Amino acid sequence: MFSRKILFVAPEVDPFVKVGGLADMVGALPKALAELGHDVRIVCPLYRSVRRLGFWRPRAEPLGIDVGPSALWARTWETSLPGAAVPCYFIENDALYGRAGVYGEGNTSYPDNDRRFIALSRAALTLCLQLDWIPDVVHAHDWTTGWVPVLLNTVLRDSPLGGAASVFTVHNLEHQGYAAREAVDYARIPPSEFHPRSLEALGAANPMKGGLYHATKITTVSPTYAQEIRRPESGCGLDDVLRFRGADLIGILNGIDPDAWNPATDATLPARYGPGDLAGKAVCKDALQRQLGLAAAPEAPLFGVVARLVHQKGLDLLAEALPALLATHPLQIALLGSGDPALEDAFRRLATANPGRVGVRIGFDAALARLVQAGSDAFIMPSRSEPCGLTQLYAMRYGTPPVVRATGGLIDTVTPYDEATGGGLGFRFHEATAAALAGAVGSACATYRDRPAHFAALRERGLRGDFGWGPSAAAYAQVYDWAVHARRGGDLAASA
C-alpha cells in the first residue's frame, strides 16, 4: 500500500460545520488516513455558520474560479483539523457562501445551490494548482461534489490534474441535486456531457449521476447499502447506472471517533461511566428524566430517539405505535428532533397526553443529544432507509442497545439479540410498519424486565465495541490504490 496525496472536497466537515453524517465522515476519516501515513487535505466552503476553531490564516493569493460567463474570485483560509495534521482550506465568497445555512434555511433549499457547489468543485481543484500540490486521488462526497469527477474527465483532463483519480462517495442517494440544463454551461463543462450516460436525467442536469458515471471508483457508506441501491426499489432512479458501474462500487462501513464519543470522558454528561461500571449511566438517566419532564422511575425502560422527523427516518411509525406501547408496557420515551411539522405536532400531542412518560424536545441540542444517548436504556431507529447511520453506533458506544429496522448500515452494525444465547448488540425488525416496530420495542422491554443479565450483556458488548475508523481507513486506502491503478493505466508502481 502506497502513501498517497488525497484531497477531500466536501460541503461540510465536523467540527467546523455539520448538518449530518457526511460531516462526521469528512472530519474523522482524514485523521485516520493521516495516521496511516497519507498526505490528506480538505476543501470546504466558508459559510457564515462555520466555527473558526484553532488558528486560521488567509492565503495572500486570491483564488480564481473558472465558472460562469466570467471568473469568480475567492479568498482561501487555511487551518487544520483539531488534533490532527490535516490541512483544511475554506473558500470564502460571500455571494455564494455567506449565509446562515449550508444547503438552505428552514425546509427550503437555496435556489442557486447548483452554482454554489459547482464553484466549490472547481475552486477545490484550482486550489491544488495554486498550491502546486497535485493529489493522487480526489475524494468527492455526494451530489454537491459530483461535478468533480466530471471536471477531471473533461476540462481538466489535459492539465496537471489529469492523472488524479477520483473516488465518489454516495452518502444518501435520495438527494441528487437536479439543476437546469444551464448548470452544465455554468460549470464550463462541454455541452456533449449533457446526455444520459453522463449528466443528463429527465431533461435536467444531475450531478449525482454525473459523479457515478465519471468517478474512477465509487463507494457507499455500508456494504448492505451498496447492494440495496442497485435494485429499482432503492436505486432512486439510478439503479441502472449503479449496476453498470457495479464492478467499481464498494461498500465501506462508516466509523466514529472513539475519543469524541466516549462515555468515560464525555464532559457534557452529568456523570461518566464505562465497561463494568454503569453507576454513571444511572445518574445520566435520572438527569434525562428530569430535563424532559419524565417521572423519576429508575426501573422503567427508557427509550431514546435523536433524529430528523422525516419520512426516511420512520418516526411516523413510532408515533403510530406509541399509544398501544404505552398501554401495554411501563416504558418512557425521550425524543429530540425536528423536521416535518405534522410529526412535530404528533409528538407534542403524545407528550401532552402522556405526562411523565413521553418527553419531547423539538429542535436540536448537541449536549442533550449526548444525554439521550447516555441516559436511555435503549435507542429507537425505525428508518425506512439508512445508508449507514451513526446514531446507532453512538448509542452502542454509550451502552444503549438500539432497536433498528433491518435496512442499509443498520443491518451491518447491529447484530440482533439472540434469546437462546443472549448474544447480539440490539433488536431488529424487518417490515416498515408500526406493528413490527412495536414488536421489537416489546421484545426489548421484555428482555430488560425478564432477562436483566442478557440486557446487561448487550450493554457491555456495546460499550466494549470497536466502532472506530481504523479498519475502514485501511479499506479506503486500498480503494485509493485501485483508483490510481485504474486511472494511470495499471502502472501502480510508477505512481507511488
Protein backbone atom coordinates (compact mmCIF):
# COMPACT_ATOMS: atom_id res chain seq x y z
CA MET A 1 0.00 0.00 0.00
CA PHE A 2 1.45 3.34 -1.08
CA SER A 3 1.44 6.70 0.67
CA ARG A 4 -0.94 8.94 -1.26
CA LYS A 5 -1.84 12.59 -1.63
CA ILE A 6 -5.61 12.70 -1.06
CA LEU A 7 -7.90 15.71 -1.44
CA PHE A 8 -11.33 15.64 0.21
CA VAL A 9 -13.87 18.00 -1.36
CA ALA A 10 -16.99 18.28 0.78
CA PRO A 11 -19.85 20.65 1.65
CA GLU A 12 -19.42 20.13 5.40
CA VAL A 13 -16.75 18.93 7.83
CA ASP A 14 -17.03 18.32 11.55
CA PRO A 15 -16.27 20.10 13.89
CA PHE A 16 -16.33 23.27 11.77
CA VAL A 17 -19.75 22.90 10.15
CA LYS A 18 -22.17 19.98 10.34
CA VAL A 19 -25.60 19.11 9.03
CA GLY A 20 -25.42 15.32 9.05
CA GLY A 21 -23.28 12.20 8.94
CA LEU A 22 -21.32 13.39 5.89
CA ALA A 23 -19.58 15.95 8.11
CA ASP A 24 -18.69 13.26 10.64
CA MET A 25 -17.02 11.16 7.97
CA VAL A 26 -15.09 14.07 6.44
CA GLY A 27 -13.95 15.16 9.90
CA ALA A 28 -12.81 11.69 11.00
CA LEU A 29 -11.63 9.61 8.03
CA PRO A 30 -8.82 12.04 7.04
CA LYS A 31 -7.41 11.80 10.57
CA ALA A 32 -7.29 8.01 10.33
CA LEU A 33 -5.72 8.20 6.86
CA ALA A 34 -3.10 10.65 8.09
CA GLU A 35 -2.20 8.20 10.85
CA LEU A 36 -1.57 5.63 8.09
CA GLY A 37 0.96 8.00 6.52
CA HIS A 38 -1.13 9.66 3.81
CA ASP A 39 -1.00 13.38 2.96
CA VAL A 40 -4.66 14.37 3.30
CA ARG A 41 -6.22 17.80 2.80
CA ILE A 42 -9.81 19.07 2.88
CA VAL A 43 -11.62 21.84 0.98
CA CYS A 44 -14.98 23.20 2.18
CA PRO A 45 -16.95 26.46 1.71
CA LEU A 46 -16.71 29.19 4.33
CA TYR A 47 -20.35 29.58 5.36
CA ARG A 48 -21.33 32.18 7.91
CA SER A 49 -22.07 29.34 10.34
CA VAL A 50 -18.55 27.84 10.20
CA ARG A 51 -16.89 27.69 13.62
CA ARG A 52 -13.39 29.15 13.42
CA LEU A 53 -11.69 26.69 15.71
CA GLY A 54 -7.93 26.84 16.17
CA PHE A 55 -5.58 29.08 14.23
CA TRP A 56 -6.72 30.42 10.84
CA ARG A 57 -4.71 32.35 8.28
CA PRO A 58 -5.78 33.78 4.92
CA ARG A 59 -3.76 32.96 1.84
CA ALA A 60 -2.37 36.10 0.24
CA GLU A 61 -3.06 34.96 -3.30
CA PRO A 62 -6.71 35.30 -4.44
CA LEU A 63 -8.31 32.22 -5.95
CA GLY A 64 -9.88 32.48 -9.38
CA ILE A 65 -12.78 30.11 -10.01
CA ASP A 66 -13.37 29.38 -13.71
CA VAL A 67 -17.15 29.14 -13.77
CA GLY A 68 -19.91 31.13 -15.39
CA PRO A 69 -19.52 33.83 -18.04
CA SER A 70 -16.66 35.47 -16.13
CA ALA A 71 -14.45 34.02 -13.43
CA LEU A 72 -15.33 34.43 -9.78
CA TRP A 73 -12.81 35.37 -7.14
CA ALA A 74 -12.49 33.97 -3.66
CA ARG A 75 -10.24 34.15 -0.65
CA THR A 76 -8.85 30.95 0.86
CA TRP A 77 -8.46 30.44 4.60
CA GLU A 78 -6.21 27.71 5.92
CA THR A 79 -6.48 25.88 9.23
CA SER A 80 -6.27 22.24 10.31
CA LEU A 81 -8.49 19.58 11.80
CA PRO A 82 -8.32 19.84 15.61
CA GLY A 83 -5.88 17.31 16.96
CA ALA A 84 -4.55 16.27 13.56
CA ALA A 85 -2.02 17.41 10.97
CA VAL A 86 -4.69 17.60 8.26
CA PRO A 87 -4.85 20.98 6.46
CA CYS A 88 -8.33 22.38 5.86
CA TYR A 89 -8.97 25.08 3.26
CA PHE A 90 -12.15 27.15 3.43
CA ILE A 91 -13.30 29.01 0.31
CA GLU A 92 -14.65 32.48 1.09
CA ASN A 93 -17.06 34.09 -1.37
CA ASP A 94 -19.86 35.91 0.42
CA ALA A 95 -22.16 35.97 -2.60
CA LEU A 96 -22.16 32.17 -2.67
CA TYR A 97 -21.50 31.05 0.89
CA GLY A 98 -22.02 33.99 3.25
CA ARG A 99 -25.31 32.60 4.52
CA ALA A 100 -26.59 31.02 7.69
CA GLY A 101 -27.30 27.62 6.15
CA VAL A 102 -25.29 25.03 4.28
CA TYR A 103 -27.88 23.79 1.79
CA GLY A 104 -30.76 26.11 2.70
CA GLU A 105 -32.73 27.52 5.59
CA GLY A 106 -35.76 26.02 7.25
CA ASN A 107 -37.16 23.45 4.86
CA THR A 108 -36.20 25.42 1.74
CA SER A 109 -33.06 24.82 -0.33
CA TYR A 110 -31.16 27.77 -1.74
CA PRO A 111 -32.23 28.22 -5.39
CA ASP A 112 -28.62 28.69 -6.55
CA ASN A 113 -27.22 25.53 -4.95
CA ASP A 114 -26.14 24.28 -8.35
CA ARG A 115 -23.85 27.28 -8.81
CA ARG A 116 -22.65 27.26 -5.21
CA PHE A 117 -21.41 23.70 -5.41
CA ILE A 118 -20.15 23.85 -8.97
CA ALA A 119 -17.99 26.72 -7.74
CA LEU A 120 -16.82 24.65 -4.76
CA SER A 121 -15.86 21.75 -7.04
CA ARG A 122 -13.87 23.93 -9.43
CA ALA A 123 -12.31 26.02 -6.63
CA ALA A 124 -11.01 22.92 -4.85
CA LEU A 125 -9.28 21.68 -7.99
CA THR A 126 -7.89 25.09 -8.92
CA LEU A 127 -6.53 25.46 -5.39
CA CYS A 128 -4.42 22.33 -5.93
CA LEU A 129 -2.79 24.02 -8.93
CA GLN A 130 -2.23 27.20 -6.94
CA LEU A 131 -0.63 25.24 -4.09
CA ASP A 132 1.46 23.20 -6.55
CA TRP A 133 0.12 20.15 -4.73
CA ILE A 134 -1.30 17.60 -7.15
CA PRO A 135 -3.32 14.87 -5.42
CA ASP A 136 -3.19 11.23 -6.44
CA VAL A 137 -6.86 10.95 -5.54
CA VAL A 138 -9.69 13.46 -5.22
CA HIS A 139 -12.37 12.13 -2.87
CA ALA A 140 -15.74 13.78 -3.58
CA HIS A 141 -18.87 13.45 -1.45
CA ASP A 142 -22.49 13.25 -2.60
CA TRP A 143 -24.25 15.30 -5.27
CA THR A 144 -22.74 18.60 -4.19
CA THR A 145 -19.34 17.49 -5.47
CA GLY A 146 -20.50 15.14 -8.21
CA TRP A 147 -19.13 17.78 -10.57
CA VAL A 148 -15.55 16.95 -9.51
CA PRO A 149 -15.15 13.64 -11.42
CA VAL A 150 -16.78 15.22 -14.49
CA LEU A 151 -14.35 18.16 -14.41
CA LEU A 152 -11.38 15.83 -14.02
CA ASN A 153 -12.51 13.80 -17.02
CA THR A 154 -13.22 16.78 -19.28
CA VAL A 155 -11.90 20.33 -18.95
CA LEU A 156 -9.02 19.32 -16.64
CA ARG A 157 -8.04 16.06 -18.35
CA ASP A 158 -5.04 17.66 -20.06
CA SER A 159 -3.99 19.72 -17.02
CA PRO A 160 -1.56 18.63 -14.30
CA LEU A 161 -4.64 17.23 -12.53
CA GLY A 162 -5.38 14.88 -15.42
CA GLY A 163 -3.68 11.96 -13.70
CA ALA A 164 -5.65 12.35 -10.47
CA ALA A 165 -8.08 9.52 -9.82
CA SER A 166 -11.49 10.25 -8.34
CA VAL A 167 -13.38 8.41 -5.63
CA PHE A 168 -17.03 9.39 -5.25
CA THR A 169 -18.86 8.50 -2.03
CA VAL A 170 -22.64 8.23 -2.01
CA HIS A 171 -23.87 9.17 1.44
CA ASN A 172 -27.56 9.36 0.52
CA LEU A 173 -28.77 8.55 -2.98
CA GLU A 174 -32.15 10.18 -2.39
CA HIS A 175 -30.64 13.67 -2.79
CA GLN A 176 -29.29 14.14 -6.32
CA GLY A 177 -29.05 17.91 -6.88
CA TYR A 178 -31.18 18.24 -10.01
CA ALA A 179 -30.46 21.52 -11.78
CA ALA A 180 -31.36 23.27 -15.01
CA ARG A 181 -29.51 22.38 -18.21
CA GLU A 182 -27.67 25.71 -17.94
CA ALA A 183 -25.73 24.40 -14.93
CA VAL A 184 -23.52 22.48 -17.35
CA ASP A 185 -22.67 25.70 -19.17
CA TYR A 186 -22.02 27.46 -15.85
CA ALA A 187 -19.52 24.71 -14.96
CA ARG A 188 -17.85 25.22 -18.36
CA ILE A 189 -18.23 21.52 -18.98
CA PRO A 190 -18.54 20.56 -22.68
CA PRO A 191 -22.20 20.52 -23.83
CA SER A 192 -21.62 16.98 -25.12
CA GLU A 193 -21.70 15.79 -21.48
CA PHE A 194 -25.39 16.63 -21.27
CA HIS A 195 -26.54 13.15 -22.25
CA PRO A 196 -27.95 10.10 -20.41
CA ARG A 197 -24.54 8.43 -19.98
CA SER A 198 -23.20 11.44 -18.13
CA LEU A 199 -25.02 14.40 -16.55
CA GLU A 200 -28.48 14.35 -18.12
CA ALA A 201 -31.51 12.88 -16.33
CA LEU A 202 -35.15 13.64 -17.07
CA GLY A 203 -34.13 16.65 -19.15
CA ALA A 204 -32.13 18.21 -16.30
CA ALA A 205 -28.55 18.13 -15.04
CA ASN A 206 -27.99 15.56 -12.31
CA PRO A 207 -24.58 15.87 -10.59
CA MET A 208 -25.11 12.67 -8.61
CA LYS A 209 -25.50 10.80 -11.89
CA GLY A 210 -22.51 12.59 -13.38
CA GLY A 211 -20.36 11.62 -10.42
CA LEU A 212 -21.44 7.99 -10.67
CA TYR A 213 -20.60 7.80 -14.38
CA HIS A 214 -17.30 9.67 -14.24
CA ALA A 215 -15.70 8.61 -10.93
CA THR A 216 -12.81 6.18 -11.10
CA LYS A 217 -14.20 4.29 -8.12
CA ILE A 218 -17.48 4.66 -6.19
CA THR A 219 -18.07 3.94 -2.52
CA THR A 220 -21.10 3.95 -0.27
CA VAL A 221 -21.15 4.09 3.50
CA SER A 222 -22.11 0.46 4.20
CA PRO A 223 -21.86 -2.87 2.34
CA THR A 224 -25.60 -3.54 2.53
CA TYR A 225 -26.49 -0.10 1.13
CA ALA A 226 -24.10 -0.76 -1.77
CA GLN A 227 -26.24 -3.77 -2.66
CA GLU A 228 -29.63 -2.16 -1.97
CA ILE A 229 -29.11 0.80 -4.32
CA ARG A 230 -28.54 -1.50 -7.30
CA ARG A 231 -32.21 -2.51 -7.08
CA PRO A 232 -35.08 -0.45 -8.58
CA GLU A 233 -36.91 -0.12 -5.24
CA SER A 234 -33.88 1.52 -3.59
CA GLY A 235 -31.96 2.99 -6.52
CA CYS A 236 -33.85 6.31 -6.68
CA GLY A 237 -33.90 6.16 -10.48
CA LEU A 238 -30.15 5.49 -10.74
CA ASP A 239 -30.09 1.73 -10.15
CA ASP A 240 -29.25 1.12 -13.81
CA VAL A 241 -26.20 3.38 -13.51
CA LEU A 242 -25.11 1.62 -10.33
CA ARG A 243 -25.47 -1.81 -11.92
CA PHE A 244 -23.48 -0.53 -14.91
CA ARG A 245 -20.70 0.65 -12.56
CA GLY A 246 -21.12 -2.35 -10.27
CA ALA A 247 -17.53 -3.57 -10.60
CA ASP A 248 -16.31 -0.19 -9.28
CA LEU A 249 -18.88 0.14 -6.48
CA ILE A 250 -17.66 -0.75 -2.98
CA GLY A 251 -19.50 -0.50 0.34
CA ILE A 252 -17.31 0.54 3.29
CA LEU A 253 -18.87 0.98 6.70
CA ASN A 254 -18.54 4.37 8.38
CA GLY A 255 -16.92 4.56 11.76
CA ILE A 256 -17.00 7.05 14.61
CA ASP A 257 -14.30 8.91 16.50
CA PRO A 258 -13.88 6.81 19.67
CA ASP A 259 -12.23 9.69 21.50
CA ALA A 260 -15.01 12.17 20.73
CA TRP A 261 -17.68 9.60 21.64
CA ASN A 262 -16.58 8.08 24.93
CA PRO A 263 -18.87 7.99 28.00
CA ALA A 264 -15.82 7.63 30.22
CA THR A 265 -14.52 11.09 29.22
CA ASP A 266 -17.58 12.94 27.88
CA ALA A 267 -17.57 16.27 29.72
CA THR A 268 -21.14 17.07 28.61
CA LEU A 269 -22.56 14.29 30.80
CA PRO A 270 -23.51 14.75 34.47
CA ALA A 271 -21.53 11.59 35.26
CA ARG A 272 -19.05 9.40 33.41
CA TYR A 273 -19.09 5.63 33.12
CA GLY A 274 -17.63 2.74 31.16
CA PRO A 275 -17.44 -1.04 30.85
CA GLY A 276 -18.00 -2.77 34.16
CA ASP A 277 -19.17 0.38 35.95
CA LEU A 278 -22.58 1.74 34.96
CA ALA A 279 -23.28 3.84 38.06
CA GLY A 280 -22.76 6.98 35.99
CA LYS A 281 -25.28 5.79 33.41
CA ALA A 282 -27.96 5.65 36.10
CA VAL A 283 -27.11 9.26 37.00
CA CYS A 284 -27.47 10.21 33.33
CA LYS A 285 -30.87 8.51 33.18
CA ASP A 286 -32.10 10.46 36.17
CA ALA A 287 -30.82 13.72 34.65
CA LEU A 288 -32.52 12.96 31.32
CA GLN A 289 -35.81 12.19 33.05
CA ARG A 290 -35.68 15.47 34.94
CA GLN A 291 -34.69 17.52 31.89
CA LEU A 292 -37.56 16.20 29.75
CA GLY A 293 -40.19 16.14 32.49
CA LEU A 294 -40.35 12.36 32.80
CA ALA A 295 -41.23 10.61 36.02
CA ALA A 296 -38.29 9.67 38.24
CA ALA A 297 -38.66 5.94 37.62
CA PRO A 298 -35.28 4.17 37.52
CA GLU A 299 -36.98 0.82 36.96
CA ALA A 300 -38.90 1.92 33.83
CA PRO A 301 -37.21 1.13 30.48
CA LEU A 302 -36.42 4.50 28.89
CA PHE A 303 -36.22 4.57 25.09
CA GLY A 304 -34.34 7.43 23.44
CA VAL A 305 -34.74 8.99 19.99
CA VAL A 306 -32.49 11.58 18.32
CA ALA A 307 -33.47 12.06 14.70
CA ARG A 308 -34.73 14.27 11.94
CA LEU A 309 -38.50 13.89 11.85
CA VAL A 310 -38.76 12.96 8.18
CA HIS A 311 -40.27 10.07 6.22
CA GLN A 312 -36.90 8.37 5.69
CA LYS A 313 -36.29 8.05 9.43
CA GLY A 314 -39.59 6.23 10.05
CA LEU A 315 -40.61 8.21 13.13
CA ASP A 316 -44.22 8.27 11.90
CA LEU A 317 -44.17 4.53 12.68
CA LEU A 318 -43.22 5.31 16.27
CA ALA A 319 -45.93 7.98 16.57
CA GLU A 320 -48.47 5.42 15.36
CA ALA A 321 -47.19 2.64 17.64
CA LEU A 322 -46.76 4.65 20.83
CA PRO A 323 -50.35 4.69 22.18
CA ALA A 324 -50.54 0.88 22.21
CA LEU A 325 -46.97 0.54 23.53
CA LEU A 326 -47.67 2.92 26.39
CA ALA A 327 -50.84 0.98 27.22
CA THR A 328 -49.06 -2.40 27.39
CA HIS A 329 -45.55 -1.59 28.68
CA PRO A 330 -44.34 0.64 31.56
CA LEU A 331 -41.87 2.38 29.25
CA GLN A 332 -40.83 6.00 28.81
CA ILE A 333 -39.82 7.91 25.66
CA ALA A 334 -37.26 10.72 25.38
CA LEU A 335 -37.31 12.30 21.93
CA LEU A 336 -35.15 15.07 20.47
CA GLY A 337 -35.70 16.09 16.86
CA SER A 338 -37.29 18.37 14.32
CA GLY A 339 -38.50 18.26 10.75
CA ASP A 340 -41.96 17.54 9.38
CA PRO A 341 -44.34 19.96 11.16
CA ALA A 342 -47.08 17.31 11.22
CA LEU A 343 -44.77 14.87 13.00
CA GLU A 344 -43.57 17.55 15.40
CA ASP A 345 -47.20 18.22 16.33
CA ALA A 346 -47.94 14.50 16.65
CA PHE A 347 -45.17 14.03 19.22
CA ARG A 348 -46.13 17.18 21.09
CA ARG A 349 -49.67 15.78 21.40
CA LEU A 350 -48.31 12.43 22.61
CA ALA A 351 -46.25 14.22 25.27
CA THR A 352 -49.27 16.25 26.40
CA ALA A 353 -51.46 13.15 26.55
CA ASN A 354 -48.85 11.12 28.47
CA PRO A 355 -47.22 13.41 31.05
CA GLY A 356 -44.28 11.85 32.82
CA ARG A 357 -43.98 9.12 30.24
CA VAL A 358 -43.28 10.91 26.94
CA GLY A 359 -40.76 13.75 26.93
CA VAL A 360 -40.29 15.69 23.69
CA ARG A 361 -37.88 18.47 22.75
CA ILE A 362 -38.39 19.89 19.26
CA GLY A 363 -35.17 21.24 17.79
CA PHE A 364 -31.56 20.17 18.20
CA ASP A 365 -29.25 20.47 21.16
CA ALA A 366 -25.87 18.73 20.91
CA ALA A 367 -25.46 18.28 24.67
CA LEU A 368 -29.00 16.97 25.08
CA ALA A 369 -28.43 14.56 22.18
CA ARG A 370 -25.49 13.04 24.06
CA LEU A 371 -27.55 12.86 27.25
CA VAL A 372 -30.29 10.98 25.39
CA GLN A 373 -27.66 8.53 24.13
CA ALA A 374 -26.22 8.08 27.62
CA GLY A 375 -29.34 8.26 29.77
CA SER A 376 -31.61 5.97 27.75
CA ASP A 377 -31.83 2.23 28.30
CA ALA A 378 -32.46 1.55 24.60
CA PHE A 379 -32.46 3.63 21.42
CA ILE A 380 -35.04 3.59 18.61
CA MET A 381 -34.12 3.93 14.89
CA PRO A 382 -37.03 2.73 12.71
CA SER A 383 -35.53 4.04 9.44
CA ARG A 384 -37.13 3.19 6.12
CA SER A 385 -33.67 3.55 4.60
CA GLU A 386 -30.34 4.19 6.29
CA PRO A 387 -27.18 4.29 4.14
CA CYS A 388 -25.04 3.77 7.23
CA GLY A 389 -26.37 5.53 10.30
CA LEU A 390 -24.16 6.83 13.06
CA THR A 391 -26.56 7.36 15.96
CA GLN A 392 -26.88 3.59 16.49
CA LEU A 393 -23.07 3.47 16.78
CA TYR A 394 -23.10 6.32 19.28
CA ALA A 395 -25.85 4.54 21.23
CA MET A 396 -23.94 1.27 21.44
CA ARG A 397 -20.77 3.15 22.38
CA TYR A 398 -22.77 4.63 25.28
CA GLY A 399 -24.12 1.26 26.41
CA THR A 400 -27.58 1.80 24.95
CA PRO A 401 -28.76 -1.15 22.80
CA PRO A 402 -30.55 0.07 19.65
CA VAL A 403 -33.89 -1.04 18.24
CA VAL A 404 -33.50 -0.75 14.46
CA ARG A 405 -35.18 -1.65 11.22
CA ALA A 406 -33.20 -4.12 9.11
CA THR A 407 -32.01 -1.82 6.33
CA GLY A 408 -28.70 -0.49 4.98
CA GLY A 409 -25.97 0.08 7.53
CA LEU A 410 -28.27 -0.87 10.40
CA ILE A 411 -28.02 -4.46 9.19
CA ASP A 412 -24.23 -4.22 9.05
CA THR A 413 -23.76 -2.71 12.50
CA VAL A 414 -26.48 -4.09 14.80
CA THR A 415 -26.31 -7.85 15.31
CA PRO A 416 -29.78 -8.95 16.51
CA TYR A 417 -30.32 -10.17 20.05
CA ASP A 418 -30.42 -13.96 20.34
CA GLU A 419 -32.86 -15.09 23.04
CA ALA A 420 -31.21 -18.51 23.32
CA THR A 421 -27.64 -17.32 23.88
CA GLY A 422 -28.08 -13.70 24.94
CA GLY A 423 -25.76 -12.68 22.10
CA GLY A 424 -26.08 -9.67 19.82
CA LEU A 425 -25.93 -5.91 20.08
CA GLY A 426 -29.56 -4.81 19.77
CA PHE A 427 -33.03 -5.54 18.45
CA ARG A 428 -34.06 -5.64 14.78
CA PHE A 429 -37.35 -5.73 12.89
CA HIS A 430 -37.99 -6.02 9.16
CA GLU A 431 -41.27 -4.58 7.92
CA ALA A 432 -41.64 -0.79 7.90
CA THR A 433 -44.86 -0.93 9.91
CA ALA A 434 -45.95 0.31 13.32
CA ALA A 435 -46.79 -3.27 14.33
CA ALA A 436 -43.31 -4.56 13.51
CA LEU A 437 -41.69 -1.67 15.40
CA ALA A 438 -43.98 -2.28 18.38
CA GLY A 439 -42.97 -5.94 18.40
CA ALA A 440 -39.27 -5.07 18.54
CA VAL A 441 -39.77 -2.48 21.28
CA GLY A 442 -41.87 -5.02 23.19
CA SER A 443 -39.06 -7.56 22.88
CA ALA A 444 -36.58 -5.01 24.24
CA CYS A 445 -38.93 -4.28 27.17
CA ALA A 446 -39.33 -7.98 27.93
CA THR A 447 -35.59 -8.56 27.85
CA TYR A 448 -34.98 -5.54 30.09
CA ARG A 449 -37.59 -6.79 32.59
CA ASP A 450 -37.27 -10.58 32.46
CA ARG A 451 -33.67 -11.20 31.41
CA PRO A 452 -31.62 -8.47 33.04
CA ALA A 453 -28.39 -10.45 32.65
CA HIS A 454 -28.95 -10.62 28.88
CA PHE A 455 -29.72 -6.91 28.73
CA ALA A 456 -26.61 -6.10 30.77
CA ALA A 457 -24.54 -8.19 28.36
CA LEU A 458 -25.96 -6.22 25.40
CA ARG A 459 -24.86 -3.03 27.11
CA GLU A 460 -21.37 -4.33 27.84
CA ARG A 461 -20.77 -5.53 24.29
CA GLY A 462 -21.75 -2.11 23.00
CA LEU A 463 -19.51 -0.31 25.49
CA ARG A 464 -16.57 -2.52 24.55
CA GLY A 465 -17.23 -2.49 20.81
CA ASP A 466 -14.70 -1.15 18.31
CA PHE A 467 -16.60 1.27 16.09
CA GLY A 468 -13.56 3.37 15.14
CA TRP A 469 -12.28 4.30 11.71
CA GLY A 470 -9.19 2.05 11.66
CA PRO A 471 -10.50 -0.85 9.53
CA SER A 472 -12.49 1.46 7.26
CA ALA A 473 -9.50 3.77 6.72
CA ALA A 474 -7.44 0.77 5.62
CA ALA A 475 -10.23 -0.24 3.22
CA TYR A 476 -10.36 3.28 1.76
CA ALA A 477 -6.58 3.29 1.33
CA GLN A 478 -6.96 0.13 -0.75
CA VAL A 479 -9.70 1.73 -2.83
CA TYR A 480 -7.41 4.71 -3.48
CA ASP A 481 -4.73 2.32 -4.72
CA TRP A 482 -7.24 0.63 -7.03
CA ALA A 483 -8.39 4.02 -8.31
CA VAL A 484 -4.84 5.20 -9.05
CA HIS A 485 -4.09 1.88 -10.73
CA ALA A 486 -7.16 2.28 -12.97
CA ARG A 487 -6.59 5.97 -13.71
CA ARG A 488 -2.95 5.58 -14.70
CA GLY A 489 -3.36 2.63 -16.95
CA GLY A 490 -2.27 -0.02 -14.49
CA ASP A 491 1.15 1.49 -13.74
CA LEU A 492 0.67 1.34 -9.99
CA ALA A 493 4.33 1.15 -9.01
CA ALA A 494 5.23 4.20 -11.09
CA SER A 495 2.55 6.22 -9.31
CA ALA A 496 3.92 5.65 -5.81
